[in-house]
Amino acid sequence: MLPRPGAGLEADYYWTQSALHVLEQSLEILSETIKSWEDFNSSGGDIAYFKSLPPETKQGGECLANSLFWDLCETFRQLNGIKGQLLRLLKKCRQRANAVSPRFPFPYRSFFVVALCNGDSNDD
């Protein structure tokens, strides 16, 4: 949820913390997924099993498994691009959080971080 215009520092702070949380969680999951693919596709990875299978199914003169493999490679190339975009967004969001945080009184700041970690929302 984006802060409402004129909602004030509290709403801005809460939105920024929520955005940071979502970005960090997304990056963690995406990084784990990409790492799994890299492990699978490495020289000592499980890809060796699939490369040794006989090409029984043809699609346009090309092994279907080979075509699917290249589609997977392209998908993970795109995921790496998305990861880069998310990292840039995270950097901008952290800059925004740092800009907002010092102006927000400490007791309220810690209250909102605790609320965020507990999954509470200000969607009244």
PDB file of N, CA and C in Angstrom:
ATOM      1  N   MET A   1       0.846  -1.172   0.000  1.00  0.00           N
ATOM      2  CA  MET A   1       0.000   0.000   0.000  1.00  0.00           C
ATOM      3  C   MET A   1       0.896   1.242   0.000  1.00  0.00           C
ATOM      4  N   LEU A   2       0.636   2.144  -0.916  1.00  0.00           N
ATOM      5  CA  LEU A   2       1.386   3.400  -0.966  1.00  0.00           C
ATOM      6  C   LEU A   2       0.821   4.367   0.060  1.00  0.00           C
ATOM      7  N   PRO A   3       1.671   5.219   0.628  1.00  0.00           N
ATOM      8  CA  PRO A   3       1.150   6.200   1.572  1.00  0.00           C
ATOM      9  C   PRO A   3       0.213   7.164   0.849  1.00  0.00           C
ATOM     10  N   ARG A   4      -0.841   7.544   1.553  1.00  0.00           N
ATOM     11  CA  ARG A   4      -1.777   8.519   0.993  1.00  0.00           C
ATOM     12  C   ARG A   4      -1.104   9.879   0.957  1.00  0.00           C
ATOM     13  N   PRO A   5      -1.377  10.690  -0.100  1.00  0.00           N
ATOM     14  CA  PRO A   5      -0.804  12.038  -0.134  1.00  0.00           C
ATOM     15  C   PRO A   5      -1.214  12.811   1.120  1.00  0.00           C
ATOM     16  N   GLY A   6      -0.263  13.435   1.757  1.00  0.00           N
ATOM     17  CA  GLY A   6      -0.534  14.210   2.966  1.00  0.00           C
ATOM     18  C   GLY A   6      -0.739  13.362   4.210  1.00  0.00           C
ATOM     19  N   ALA A   7      -0.444  12.048   4.111  1.00  0.00           N
ATOM     20  CA  ALA A   7      -0.675  11.155   5.255  1.00  0.00           C
ATOM     21  C   ALA A   7       0.364  11.357   6.347  1.00  0.00           C
ATOM     22  N   GLY A   8       1.480  11.976   6.002  1.00  0.00           N
ATOM     23  CA  GLY A   8       2.464  12.297   7.014  1.00  0.00           C
ATOM     24  C   GLY A   8       3.624  11.348   7.090  1.00  0.00           C
ATOM     25  N   LEU A   9       4.515  11.702   7.969  1.00  0.00           N
ATOM     26  CA  LEU A   9       5.769  10.980   8.144  1.00  0.00           C
ATOM     27  C   LEU A   9       5.540   9.544   8.602  1.00  0.00           C
ATOM     28  N   GLU A  10       4.561   9.347   9.457  1.00  0.00           N
ATOM     29  CA  GLU A  10       4.282   8.013   9.979  1.00  0.00           C
ATOM     30  C   GLU A  10       3.928   7.048   8.838  1.00  0.00           C
ATOM     31  N   ALA A  11       3.031   7.466   7.954  1.00  0.00           N
ATOM     32  CA  ALA A  11       2.628   6.616   6.835  1.00  0.00           C
ATOM     33  C   ALA A  11       3.798   6.387   5.886  1.00  0.00           C
ATOM     34  N   ASP A  12       4.588   7.412   5.653  1.00  0.00           N
ATOM     35  CA  ASP A  12       5.747   7.304   4.778  1.00  0.00           C
ATOM     36  C   ASP A  12       6.752   6.322   5.353  1.00  0.00           C
ATOM     37  N   TYR A  13       6.995   6.433   6.637  1.00  0.00           N
ATOM     38  CA  TYR A  13       7.939   5.529   7.297  1.00  0.00           C
ATOM     39  C   TYR A  13       7.447   4.087   7.234  1.00  0.00           C
ATOM     40  N   TYR A  14       6.182   3.870   7.549  1.00  0.00           N
ATOM     41  CA  TYR A  14       5.631   2.520   7.552  1.00  0.00           C
ATOM     42  C   TYR A  14       5.688   1.922   6.148  1.00  0.00           C
ATOM     43  N   TRP A  15       5.354   2.712   5.118  1.00  0.00           N
ATOM     44  CA  TRP A  15       5.398   2.220   3.751  1.00  0.00           C
ATOM     45  C   TRP A  15       6.828   1.847   3.369  1.00  0.00           C
ATOM     46  N   THR A  16       7.781   2.692   3.737  1.00  0.00           N
ATOM     47  CA  THR A  16       9.175   2.444   3.391  1.00  0.00           C
ATOM     48  C   THR A  16       9.672   1.154   4.045  1.00  0.00           C
ATOM     49  N   GLN A  17       9.340   0.948   5.309  1.00  0.00           N
ATOM     50  CA  GLN A  17       9.751  -0.273   5.999  1.00  0.00           C
ATOM     51  C   GLN A  17       9.094  -1.503   5.376  1.00  0.00           C
ATOM     52  N   SER A  18       7.828  -1.372   4.999  1.00  0.00           N
ATOM     53  CA  SER A  18       7.131  -2.485   4.348  1.00  0.00           C
ATOM     54  C   SER A  18       7.773  -2.815   3.009  1.00  0.00           C
ATOM     55  N   ALA A  19       8.090  -1.786   2.232  1.00  0.00           N
ATOM     56  CA  ALA A  19       8.725  -1.997   0.933  1.00  0.00           C
ATOM     57  C   ALA A  19      10.087  -2.669   1.098  1.00  0.00           C
ATOM     58  N   LEU A  20      10.863  -2.230   2.084  1.00  0.00           N
ATOM     59  CA  LEU A  20      12.162  -2.857   2.343  1.00  0.00           C
ATOM     60  C   LEU A  20      11.991  -4.339   2.656  1.00  0.00           C
ATOM     61  N   HIS A  21      11.013  -4.640   3.482  1.00  0.00           N
ATOM     62  CA  HIS A  21      10.766  -6.027   3.868  1.00  0.00           C
ATOM     63  C   HIS A  21      10.413  -6.881   2.646  1.00  0.00           C
ATOM     64  N   VAL A  22       9.520  -6.400   1.802  1.00  0.00           N
ATOM     65  CA  VAL A  22       9.105  -7.141   0.605  1.00  0.00           C
ATOM     66  C   VAL A  22      10.291  -7.323  -0.348  1.00  0.00           C
ATOM     67  N   LEU A  23      11.050  -6.269  -0.576  1.00  0.00           N
ATOM     68  CA  LEU A  23      12.207  -6.360  -1.472  1.00  0.00           C
ATOM     69  C   LEU A  23      13.243  -7.349  -0.948  1.00  0.00           C
ATOM     70  N   GLU A  24      13.536  -7.287   0.344  1.00  0.00           N
ATOM     71  CA  GLU A  24      14.534  -8.193   0.918  1.00  0.00           C
ATOM     72  C   GLU A  24      14.087  -9.647   0.823  1.00  0.00           C
ATOM     73  N   GLN A  25      12.799  -9.906   1.110  1.00  0.00           N
ATOM     74  CA  GLN A  25      12.273 -11.272   1.016  1.00  0.00           C
ATOM     75  C   GLN A  25      12.316 -11.762  -0.431  1.00  0.00           C
ATOM     76  N   SER A  26      11.909 -10.917  -1.372  1.00  0.00           N
ATOM     77  CA  SER A  26      11.901 -11.287  -2.789  1.00  0.00           C
ATOM     78  C   SER A  26      13.310 -11.586  -3.282  1.00  0.00           C
ATOM     79  N   LEU A  27      14.250 -10.742  -2.908  1.00  0.00           N
ATOM     80  CA  LEU A  27      15.641 -10.958  -3.321  1.00  0.00           C
ATOM     81  C   LEU A  27      16.212 -12.237  -2.729  1.00  0.00           C
ATOM     82  N   GLU A  28      15.864 -12.539  -1.505  1.00  0.00           N
ATOM     83  CA  GLU A  28      16.361 -13.763  -0.872  1.00  0.00           C
ATOM     84  C   GLU A  28      15.865 -14.997  -1.629  1.00  0.00           C
ATOM     85  N   ILE A  29      14.579 -15.020  -1.945  1.00  0.00           N
ATOM     86  CA  ILE A  29      14.003 -16.161  -2.657  1.00  0.00           C
ATOM     87  C   ILE A  29      14.568 -16.250  -4.070  1.00  0.00           C
ATOM     88  N   LEU A  30      14.651 -15.123  -4.756  1.00  0.00           N
ATOM     89  CA  LEU A  30      15.185 -15.103  -6.117  1.00  0.00           C
ATOM     90  C   LEU A  30      16.646 -15.544  -6.138  1.00  0.00           C
ATOM     91  N   SER A  31      17.433 -15.082  -5.179  1.00  0.00           N
ATOM     92  CA  SER A  31      18.844 -15.474  -5.108  1.00  0.00           C
ATOM     93  C   SER A  31      18.998 -16.969  -4.871  1.00  0.00           C
ATOM     94  N   GLU A  32      18.152 -17.538  -4.013  1.00  0.00           N
ATOM     95  CA  GLU A  32      18.208 -18.981  -3.763  1.00  0.00           C
ATOM     96  C   GLU A  32      17.849 -19.770  -5.019  1.00  0.00           C
ATOM     97  N   THR A  33      16.846 -19.280  -5.756  1.00  0.00           N
ATOM     98  CA  THR A  33      16.422 -19.944  -6.989  1.00  0.00           C
ATOM     99  C   THR A  33      17.538 -19.903  -8.031  1.00  0.00           C
ATOM    100  N   ILE A  34      18.142 -18.750  -8.203  1.00  0.00           N
ATOM    101  CA  ILE A  34      19.236 -18.606  -9.169  1.00  0.00           C
ATOM    102  C   ILE A  34      20.428 -19.465  -8.764  1.00  0.00           C
ATOM    103  N   LYS A  35      20.740 -19.510  -7.487  1.00  0.00           N
ATOM    104  CA  LYS A  35      21.855 -20.336  -6.995  1.00  0.00           C
ATOM    105  C   LYS A  35      21.593 -21.816  -7.275  1.00  0.00           C
ATOM    106  N   SER A  36      20.347 -22.253  -7.093  1.00  0.00           N
ATOM    107  CA  SER A  36      20.004 -23.653  -7.383  1.00  0.00           C
ATOM    108  C   SER A  36      20.216 -23.975  -8.852  1.00  0.00           C
ATOM    109  N   TRP A  37      19.816 -23.052  -9.731  1.00  0.00           N
ATOM    110  CA  TRP A  37      20.033 -23.248 -11.166  1.00  0.00           C
ATOM    111  C   TRP A  37      21.525 -23.298 -11.486  1.00  0.00           C
ATOM    112  N   GLU A  38      22.290 -22.398 -10.898  1.00  0.00           N
ATOM    113  CA  GLU A  38      23.730 -22.376 -11.154  1.00  0.00           C
ATOM    114  C   GLU A  38      24.378 -23.674 -10.696  1.00  0.00           C
ATOM    115  N   ASP A  39      23.960 -24.194  -9.546  1.00  0.00           N
ATOM    116  CA  ASP A  39      24.483 -25.469  -9.060  1.00  0.00           C
ATOM    117  C   ASP A  39      24.104 -26.606 -10.014  1.00  0.00           C
ATOM    118  N   PHE A  40      22.849 -26.620 -10.445  1.00  0.00           N
ATOM    119  CA  PHE A  40      22.359 -27.646 -11.362  1.00  0.00           C
ATOM    120  C   PHE A  40      23.119 -27.606 -12.678  1.00  0.00           C
ATOM    121  N   ASN A  41      23.376 -26.417 -13.175  1.00  0.00           N
ATOM    122  CA  ASN A  41      23.969 -26.215 -14.495  1.00  0.00           C
ATOM    123  C   ASN A  41      25.503 -26.215 -14.476  1.00  0.00           C
ATOM    124  N   SER A  42      26.105 -26.351 -13.320  1.00  0.00           N
ATOM    125  CA  SER A  42      27.569 -26.336 -13.230  1.00  0.00           C
ATOM    126  C   SER A  42      28.157 -27.629 -13.790  1.00  0.00           C
ATOM    127  N   SER A  43      29.472 -27.636 -13.990  1.00  0.00           N
ATOM    128  CA  SER A  43      30.135 -28.808 -14.575  1.00  0.00           C
ATOM    129  C   SER A  43      29.944 -30.058 -13.708  1.00  0.00           C
ATOM    130  N   GLY A  44      29.835 -29.906 -12.408  1.00  0.00           N
ATOM    131  CA  GLY A  44      29.625 -31.052 -11.528  1.00  0.00           C
ATOM    132  C   GLY A  44      28.179 -31.222 -11.114  1.00  0.00           C
ATOM    133  N   GLY A  45      27.287 -30.466 -11.739  1.00  0.00           N
ATOM    134  CA  GLY A  45      25.875 -30.487 -11.353  1.00  0.00           C
ATOM    135  C   GLY A  45      25.083 -31.595 -12.036  1.00  0.00           C
ATOM    136  N   ASP A  46      23.807 -31.648 -11.693  1.00  0.00           N
ATOM    137  CA  ASP A  46      22.924 -32.688 -12.202  1.00  0.00           C
ATOM    138  C   ASP A  46      22.634 -32.575 -13.695  1.00  0.00           C
ATOM    139  N   ILE A  47      22.998 -31.482 -14.322  1.00  0.00           N
ATOM    140  CA  ILE A  47      22.777 -31.325 -15.763  1.00  0.00           C
ATOM    141  C   ILE A  47      23.486 -32.433 -16.546  1.00  0.00           C
ATOM    142  N   ALA A  48      24.566 -32.959 -15.991  1.00  0.00           N
ATOM    143  CA  ALA A  48      25.329 -34.026 -16.668  1.00  0.00           C
ATOM    144  C   ALA A  48      24.442 -35.234 -16.960  1.00  0.00           C
ATOM    145  N   TYR A  49      23.525 -35.544 -16.047  1.00  0.00           N
ATOM    146  CA  TYR A  49      22.615 -36.676 -16.262  1.00  0.00           C
ATOM    147  C   TYR A  49      21.772 -36.443 -17.511  1.00  0.00           C
ATOM    148  N   PHE A  50      21.220 -35.252 -17.655  1.00  0.00           N
ATOM    149  CA  PHE A  50      20.330 -34.947 -18.767  1.00  0.00           C
ATOM    150  C   PHE A  50      21.079 -34.830 -20.088  1.00  0.00           C
ATOM    151  N   LYS A  51      22.320 -34.395 -20.035  1.00  0.00           N
ATOM    152  CA  LYS A  51      23.119 -34.290 -21.251  1.00  0.00           C
ATOM    153  C   LYS A  51      23.470 -35.673 -21.806  1.00  0.00           C
ATOM    154  N   SER A  52      23.463 -36.689 -20.948  1.00  0.00           N
ATOM    155  CA  SER A  52      23.830 -38.033 -21.389  1.00  0.00           C
ATOM    156  C   SER A  52      22.640 -38.812 -21.940  1.00  0.00           C
ATOM    157  N   LEU A  53      21.420 -38.297 -21.842  1.00  0.00           N
ATOM    158  CA  LEU A  53      20.245 -38.994 -22.363  1.00  0.00           C
ATOM    159  C   LEU A  53      20.244 -38.954 -23.891  1.00  0.00           C
ATOM    160  N   PRO A  54      19.797 -40.039 -24.515  1.00  0.00           N
ATOM    161  CA  PRO A  54      19.744 -40.034 -25.986  1.00  0.00           C
ATOM    162  C   PRO A  54      18.632 -39.095 -26.474  1.00  0.00           C
ATOM    163  N   PRO A  55      18.897 -38.363 -27.543  1.00  0.00           N
ATOM    164  CA  PRO A  55      17.875 -37.454 -28.079  1.00  0.00           C
ATOM    165  C   PRO A  55      16.824 -38.235 -28.859  1.00  0.00           C
ATOM    166  N   GLU A  56      15.719 -38.604 -28.184  1.00  0.00           N
ATOM    167  CA  GLU A  56      14.687 -39.413 -28.824  1.00  0.00           C
ATOM    168  C   GLU A  56      13.596 -38.557 -29.460  1.00  0.00           C
ATOM    169  N   THR A  57      13.322 -37.406 -28.889  1.00  0.00           N
ATOM    170  CA  THR A  57      12.248 -36.567 -29.394  1.00  0.00           C
ATOM    171  C   THR A  57      12.841 -35.415 -30.171  1.00  0.00           C
ATOM    172  N   LYS A  58      12.428 -35.272 -31.393  1.00  0.00           N
ATOM    173  CA  LYS A  58      12.940 -34.202 -32.243  1.00  0.00           C
ATOM    174  C   LYS A  58      11.867 -33.126 -32.412  1.00  0.00           C
ATOM    175  N   GLN A  59      12.319 -31.905 -32.503  1.00  0.00           N
ATOM    176  CA  GLN A  59      11.417 -30.779 -32.742  1.00  0.00           C
ATOM    177  C   GLN A  59      12.130 -29.856 -33.728  1.00  0.00           C
ATOM    178  N   GLY A  60      11.690 -29.850 -34.979  1.00  0.00           N
ATOM    179  CA  GLY A  60      12.338 -29.022 -35.983  1.00  0.00           C
ATOM    180  C   GLY A  60      13.794 -29.402 -36.190  1.00  0.00           C
ATOM    181  N   GLY A  61      14.122 -30.683 -36.110  1.00  0.00           N
ATOM    182  CA  GLY A  61      15.498 -31.125 -36.304  1.00  0.00           C
ATOM    183  C   GLY A  61      16.377 -30.931 -35.081  1.00  0.00           C
ATOM    184  N   GLU A  62      15.818 -30.429 -34.005  1.00  0.00           N
ATOM    185  CA  GLU A  62      16.607 -30.159 -32.795  1.00  0.00           C
ATOM    186  C   GLU A  62      16.051 -30.999 -31.650  1.00  0.00           C
ATOM    187  N   CYS A  63      16.898 -31.470 -30.821  1.00  0.00           N
ATOM    188  CA  CYS A  63      16.471 -32.246 -29.658  1.00  0.00           C
ATOM    189  C   CYS A  63      15.569 -31.388 -28.773  1.00  0.00           C
ATOM    190  N   LEU A  64      14.392 -31.912 -28.440  1.00  0.00           N
ATOM    191  CA  LEU A  64      13.445 -31.165 -27.601  1.00  0.00           C
ATOM    192  C   LEU A  64      14.074 -30.820 -26.257  1.00  0.00           C
ATOM    193  N   ALA A  65      14.822 -31.750 -25.666  1.00  0.00           N
ATOM    194  CA  ALA A  65      15.461 -31.481 -24.374  1.00  0.00           C
ATOM    195  C   ALA A  65      16.441 -30.324 -24.495  1.00  0.00           C
ATOM    196  N   ASN A  66      17.174 -30.263 -25.590  1.00  0.00           N
ATOM    197  CA  ASN A  66      18.129 -29.182 -25.812  1.00  0.00           C
ATOM    198  C   ASN A  66      17.395 -27.841 -25.932  1.00  0.00           C
ATOM    199  N   SER A  67      16.275 -27.850 -26.644  1.00  0.00           N
ATOM    200  CA  SER A  67      15.472 -26.634 -26.798  1.00  0.00           C
ATOM    201  C   SER A  67      14.950 -26.158 -25.442  1.00  0.00           C
ATOM    202  N   LEU A  68      14.461 -27.095 -24.656  1.00  0.00           N
ATOM    203  CA  LEU A  68      13.949 -26.735 -23.323  1.00  0.00           C
ATOM    204  C   LEU A  68      15.068 -26.210 -22.430  1.00  0.00           C
ATOM    205  N   PHE A  69      16.242 -26.816 -22.557  1.00  0.00           N
ATOM    206  CA  PHE A  69      17.388 -26.353 -21.778  1.00  0.00           C
ATOM    207  C   PHE A  69      17.706 -24.902 -22.100  1.00  0.00           C
ATOM    208  N   TRP A  70      17.737 -24.558 -23.398  1.00  0.00           N
ATOM    209  CA  TRP A  70      18.047 -23.173 -23.779  1.00  0.00           C
ATOM    210  C   TRP A  70      16.945 -22.220 -23.347  1.00  0.00           C
ATOM    211  N   ASP A  71      15.698 -22.697 -23.330  1.00  0.00           N
ATOM    212  CA  ASP A  71      14.603 -21.873 -22.802  1.00  0.00           C
ATOM    213  C   ASP A  71      14.810 -21.600 -21.313  1.00  0.00           C
ATOM    214  N   LEU A  72      15.250 -22.638 -20.600  1.00  0.00           N
ATOM    215  CA  LEU A  72      15.540 -22.456 -19.168  1.00  0.00           C
ATOM    216  C   LEU A  72      16.694 -21.476 -18.970  1.00  0.00           C
ATOM    217  N   CYS A  73      17.720 -21.590 -19.784  1.00  0.00           N
ATOM    218  CA  CYS A  73      18.851 -20.666 -19.687  1.00  0.00           C
ATOM    219  C   CYS A  73      18.379 -19.231 -19.887  1.00  0.00           C
ATOM    220  N   GLU A  74      17.531 -19.012 -20.867  1.00  0.00           N
ATOM    221  CA  GLU A  74      17.012 -17.676 -21.140  1.00  0.00           C
ATOM    222  C   GLU A  74      16.159 -17.175 -19.966  1.00  0.00           C
ATOM    223  N   THR A  75      15.356 -18.051 -19.403  1.00  0.00           N
ATOM    224  CA  THR A  75      14.525 -17.670 -18.248  1.00  0.00           C
ATOM    225  C   THR A  75      15.396 -17.225 -17.086  1.00  0.00           C
ATOM    226  N   PHE A  76      16.456 -17.971 -16.811  1.00  0.00           N
ATOM    227  CA  PHE A  76      17.326 -17.600 -15.693  1.00  0.00           C
ATOM    228  C   PHE A  76      18.173 -16.370 -16.007  1.00  0.00           C
ATOM    229  N   ARG A  77      18.463 -16.129 -17.278  1.00  0.00           N
ATOM    230  CA  ARG A  77      19.125 -14.878 -17.658  1.00  0.00           C
ATOM    231  C   ARG A  77      18.197 -13.703 -17.350  1.00  0.00           C
ATOM    232  N   GLN A  78      16.921 -13.870 -17.664  1.00  0.00           N
ATOM    233  CA  GLN A  78      15.938 -12.825 -17.365  1.00  0.00           C
ATOM    234  C   GLN A  78      15.774 -12.639 -15.851  1.00  0.00           C
ATOM    235  N   LEU A  79      15.776 -13.745 -15.110  1.00  0.00           N
ATOM    236  CA  LEU A  79      15.674 -13.647 -13.642  1.00  0.00           C
ATOM    237  C   LEU A  79      16.867 -12.898 -13.058  1.00  0.00           C
ATOM    238  N   ASN A  80      18.054 -13.103 -13.615  1.00  0.00           N
ATOM    239  CA  ASN A  80      19.221 -12.342 -13.163  1.00  0.00           C
ATOM    240  C   ASN A  80      19.035 -10.855 -13.423  1.00  0.00           C
ATOM    241  N   GLY A  81      18.415 -10.510 -14.547  1.00  0.00           N
ATOM    242  CA  GLY A  81      18.117  -9.112 -14.842  1.00  0.00           C
ATOM    243  C   GLY A  81      17.129  -8.528 -13.841  1.00  0.00           C
ATOM    244  N   ILE A  82      16.111  -9.301 -13.507  1.00  0.00           N
ATOM    245  CA  ILE A  82      15.127  -8.864 -12.509  1.00  0.00           C
ATOM    246  C   ILE A  82      15.793  -8.683 -11.156  1.00  0.00           C
ATOM    247  N   LYS A  83      16.711  -9.594 -10.824  1.00  0.00           N
ATOM    248  CA  LYS A  83      17.437  -9.471  -9.555  1.00  0.00           C
ATOM    249  C   LYS A  83      18.200  -8.150  -9.511  1.00  0.00           C
ATOM    250  N   GLY A  84      18.848  -7.783 -10.616  1.00  0.00           N
ATOM    251  CA  GLY A  84      19.562  -6.505 -10.679  1.00  0.00           C
ATOM    252  C   GLY A  84      18.620  -5.328 -10.468  1.00  0.00           C
ATOM    253  N   GLN A  85      17.441  -5.379 -11.074  1.00  0.00           N
ATOM    254  CA  GLN A  85      16.456  -4.315 -10.899  1.00  0.00           C
ATOM    255  C   GLN A  85      16.011  -4.225  -9.447  1.00  0.00           C
ATOM    256  N   LEU A  86      15.758  -5.378  -8.827  1.00  0.00           N
ATOM    257  CA  LEU A  86      15.340  -5.381  -7.421  1.00  0.00           C
ATOM    258  C   LEU A  86      16.436  -4.851  -6.503  1.00  0.00           C
ATOM    259  N   LEU A  87      17.692  -5.168  -6.815  1.00  0.00           N
ATOM    260  CA  LEU A  87      18.802  -4.645  -6.013  1.00  0.00           C
ATOM    261  C   LEU A  87      18.872  -3.121  -6.103  1.00  0.00           C
ATOM    262  N   ARG A  88      18.642  -2.582  -7.307  1.00  0.00           N
ATOM    263  CA  ARG A  88      18.628  -1.120  -7.457  1.00  0.00           C
ATOM    264  C   ARG A  88      17.458  -0.496  -6.699  1.00  0.00           C
ATOM    265  N   LEU A  89      16.293  -1.133  -6.749  1.00  0.00           N
ATOM    266  CA  LEU A  89      15.137  -0.641  -5.994  1.00  0.00           C
ATOM    267  C   LEU A  89      15.401  -0.695  -4.485  1.00  0.00           C
ATOM    268  N   LEU A  90      16.038  -1.776  -4.042  1.00  0.00           N
ATOM    269  CA  LEU A  90      16.361  -1.910  -2.625  1.00  0.00           C
ATOM    270  C   LEU A  90      17.295  -0.789  -2.176  1.00  0.00           C
ATOM    271  N   LYS A  91      18.284  -0.476  -2.995  1.00  0.00           N
ATOM    272  CA  LYS A  91      19.217   0.611  -2.661  1.00  0.00           C
ATOM    273  C   LYS A  91      18.468   1.934  -2.534  1.00  0.00           C
ATOM    274  N   LYS A  92      17.573   2.214  -3.489  1.00  0.00           N
ATOM    275  CA  LYS A  92      16.794   3.457  -3.426  1.00  0.00           C
ATOM    276  C   LYS A  92      15.876   3.479  -2.205  1.00  0.00           C
ATOM    277  N   CYS A  93      15.278   2.341  -1.913  1.00  0.00           N
ATOM    278  CA  CYS A  93      14.374   2.259  -0.767  1.00  0.00           C
ATOM    279  C   CYS A  93      15.142   2.450   0.543  1.00  0.00           C
ATOM    280  N   ARG A  94      16.342   1.884   0.631  1.00  0.00           N
ATOM    281  CA  ARG A  94      17.158   2.089   1.838  1.00  0.00           C
ATOM    282  C   ARG A  94      17.558   3.553   1.990  1.00  0.00           C
ATOM    283  N   GLN A  95      17.849   4.207   0.863  1.00  0.00           N
ATOM    284  CA  GLN A  95      18.161   5.632   0.923  1.00  0.00           C
ATOM    285  C   GLN A  95      16.960   6.415   1.441  1.00  0.00           C
ATOM    286  N   ARG A  96      15.784   6.054   0.966  1.00  0.00           N
ATOM    287  CA  ARG A  96      14.563   6.720   1.432  1.00  0.00           C
ATOM    288  C   ARG A  96      14.331   6.443   2.916  1.00  0.00           C
ATOM    289  N   ALA A  97      14.549   5.198   3.322  1.00  0.00           N
ATOM    290  CA  ALA A  97      14.368   4.837   4.727  1.00  0.00           C
ATOM    291  C   ALA A  97      15.331   5.628   5.608  1.00  0.00           C
ATOM    292  N   ASN A  98      16.571   5.782   5.154  1.00  0.00           N
ATOM    293  CA  ASN A  98      17.554   6.552   5.926  1.00  0.00           C
ATOM    294  C   ASN A  98      17.177   8.017   5.997  1.00  0.00           C
ATOM    295  N   ALA A  99      16.558   8.517   4.951  1.00  0.00           N
ATOM    296  CA  ALA A  99      16.133   9.922   4.940  1.00  0.00           C
ATOM    297  C   ALA A  99      14.961  10.151   5.873  1.00  0.00           C
ATOM    298  N   VAL A 100      14.072   9.179   5.971  1.00  0.00           N
ATOM    299  CA  VAL A 100      12.869   9.312   6.805  1.00  0.00           C
ATOM    300  C   VAL A 100      13.165   8.982   8.256  1.00  0.00           C
ATOM    301  N   SER A 101      13.945   7.939   8.483  1.00  0.00           N
ATOM    302  CA  SER A 101      14.172   7.411   9.821  1.00  0.00           C
ATOM    303  C   SER A 101      14.686   8.428  10.842  1.00  0.00           C
ATOM    304  N   PRO A 102      15.695   9.248  10.538  1.00  0.00           N
ATOM    305  CA  PRO A 102      16.199  10.170  11.562  1.00  0.00           C
ATOM    306  C   PRO A 102      15.169  11.233  11.980  1.00  0.00           C
ATOM    307  N   ARG A 103      14.212  11.524  11.120  1.00  0.00           N
ATOM    308  CA  ARG A 103      13.215  12.537  11.446  1.00  0.00           C
ATOM    309  C   ARG A 103      12.053  11.973  12.243  1.00  0.00           C
ATOM    310  N   PHE A 104      11.989  10.638  12.344  1.00  0.00           N
ATOM    311  CA  PHE A 104      10.867  10.007  13.028  1.00  0.00           C
ATOM    312  C   PHE A 104      11.283   9.686  14.457  1.00  0.00           C
ATOM    313  N   PRO A 105      10.533  10.118  15.458  1.00  0.00           N
ATOM    314  CA  PRO A 105      10.924   9.883  16.864  1.00  0.00           C
ATOM    315  C   PRO A 105      11.145   8.393  17.140  1.00  0.00           C
ATOM    316  N   PHE A 106      12.202   8.092  17.864  1.00  0.00           N
ATOM    317  CA  PHE A 106      12.627   6.717  18.091  1.00  0.00           C
ATOM    318  C   PHE A 106      11.536   5.799  18.655  1.00  0.00           C
ATOM    319  N   PRO A 107      10.777   6.171  19.685  1.00  0.00           N
ATOM    320  CA  PRO A 107       9.792   5.207  20.209  1.00  0.00           C
ATOM    321  C   PRO A 107       8.800   4.763  19.129  1.00  0.00           C
ATOM    322  N   TYR A 108       8.397   5.676  18.253  1.00  0.00           N
ATOM    323  CA  TYR A 108       7.462   5.321  17.194  1.00  0.00           C
ATOM    324  C   TYR A 108       8.137   4.458  16.148  1.00  0.00           C
ATOM    325  N   ARG A 109       9.403   4.738  15.866  1.00  0.00           N
ATOM    326  CA  ARG A 109      10.150   3.987  14.886  1.00  0.00           C
ATOM    327  C   ARG A 109      10.224   2.521  15.315  1.00  0.00           C
ATOM    328  N   SER A 110      10.554   2.273  16.537  1.00  0.00           N
ATOM    329  CA  SER A 110      10.661   0.890  16.989  1.00  0.00           C
ATOM    330  C   SER A 110       9.287   0.222  17.028  1.00  0.00           C
ATOM    331  N   PHE A 111       8.224   0.984  17.331  1.00  0.00           N
ATOM    332  CA  PHE A 111       6.878   0.431  17.338  1.00  0.00           C
ATOM    333  C   PHE A 111       6.509  -0.080  15.949  1.00  0.00           C
ATOM    334  N   PHE A 112       6.812   0.709  14.912  1.00  0.00           N
ATOM    335  CA  PHE A 112       6.435   0.314  13.565  1.00  0.00           C
ATOM    336  C   PHE A 112       7.272  -0.840  13.053  1.00  0.00           C
ATOM    337  N   VAL A 113       8.513  -0.921  13.433  1.00  0.00           N
ATOM    338  CA  VAL A 113       9.340  -2.053  13.032  1.00  0.00           C
ATOM    339  C   VAL A 113       8.798  -3.321  13.674  1.00  0.00           C
ATOM    340  N   VAL A 114       8.420  -3.275  14.935  1.00  0.00           N
ATOM    341  CA  VAL A 114       7.841  -4.431  15.621  1.00  0.00           C
ATOM    342  C   VAL A 114       6.518  -4.809  14.967  1.00  0.00           C
ATOM    343  N   ALA A 115       5.676  -3.821  14.652  1.00  0.00           N
ATOM    344  CA  ALA A 115       4.398  -4.091  14.000  1.00  0.00           C
ATOM    345  C   ALA A 115       4.617  -4.757  12.647  1.00  0.00           C
ATOM    346  N   LEU A 116       5.591  -4.290  11.910  1.00  0.00           N
ATOM    347  CA  LEU A 116       5.892  -4.853  10.597  1.00  0.00           C
ATOM    348  C   LEU A 116       6.354  -6.302  10.739  1.00  0.00           C
ATOM    349  N   CYS A 117       7.227  -6.567  11.681  1.00  0.00           N
ATOM    350  CA  CYS A 117       7.734  -7.921  11.878  1.00  0.00           C
ATOM    351  C   CYS A 117       6.625  -8.880  12.330  1.00  0.00           C
ATOM    352  N   ASN A 118       5.636  -8.348  13.034  1.00  0.00           N
ATOM    353  CA  ASN A 118       4.518  -9.180  13.505  1.00  0.00           C
ATOM    354  C   ASN A 118       3.436  -9.325  12.449  1.00  0.00           C
ATOM    355  N   GLY A 119       3.588  -8.639  11.302  1.00  0.00           N
ATOM    356  CA  GLY A 119       2.614  -8.735  10.232  1.00  0.00           C
ATOM    357  C   GLY A 119       1.413  -7.837  10.434  1.00  0.00           C
ATOM    358  N   ASP A 120       1.467  -6.916  11.401  1.00  0.00           N
ATOM    359  CA  ASP A 120       0.374  -5.982  11.608  1.00  0.00           C
ATOM    360  C   ASP A 120       0.314  -5.010  10.451  1.00  0.00           C
ATOM    361  N   SER A 121      -0.835  -4.431  10.237  1.00  0.00           N
ATOM    362  CA  SER A 121      -1.007  -3.486   9.125  1.00  0.00           C
ATOM    363  C   SER A 121      -1.762  -2.270   9.623  1.00  0.00           C
ATOM    364  N   ASN A 122      -1.592  -1.159   8.920  1.00  0.00           N
ATOM    365  CA  ASN A 122      -2.332   0.036   9.275  1.00  0.00           C
ATOM    366  C   ASN A 122      -3.458   0.286   8.292  1.00  0.00           C
ATOM    367  N   ASP A 123      -4.023  -0.784   7.714  1.00  0.00           N
ATOM    368  CA  ASP A 123      -5.122  -0.691   6.758  1.00  0.00           C
ATOM    369  C   ASP A 123      -6.468  -0.626   7.478  1.00  0.00           C
ATOM    370  N   ASP A 124      -6.725   0.407   8.184  1.00  0.00           N
ATOM    371  CA  ASP A 124      -7.993   0.522   8.926  1.00  0.00           C
ATOM    372  C   ASP A 124      -9.128   0.948   8.039  1.00  0.00           C
TER     373      ASP A 124
END
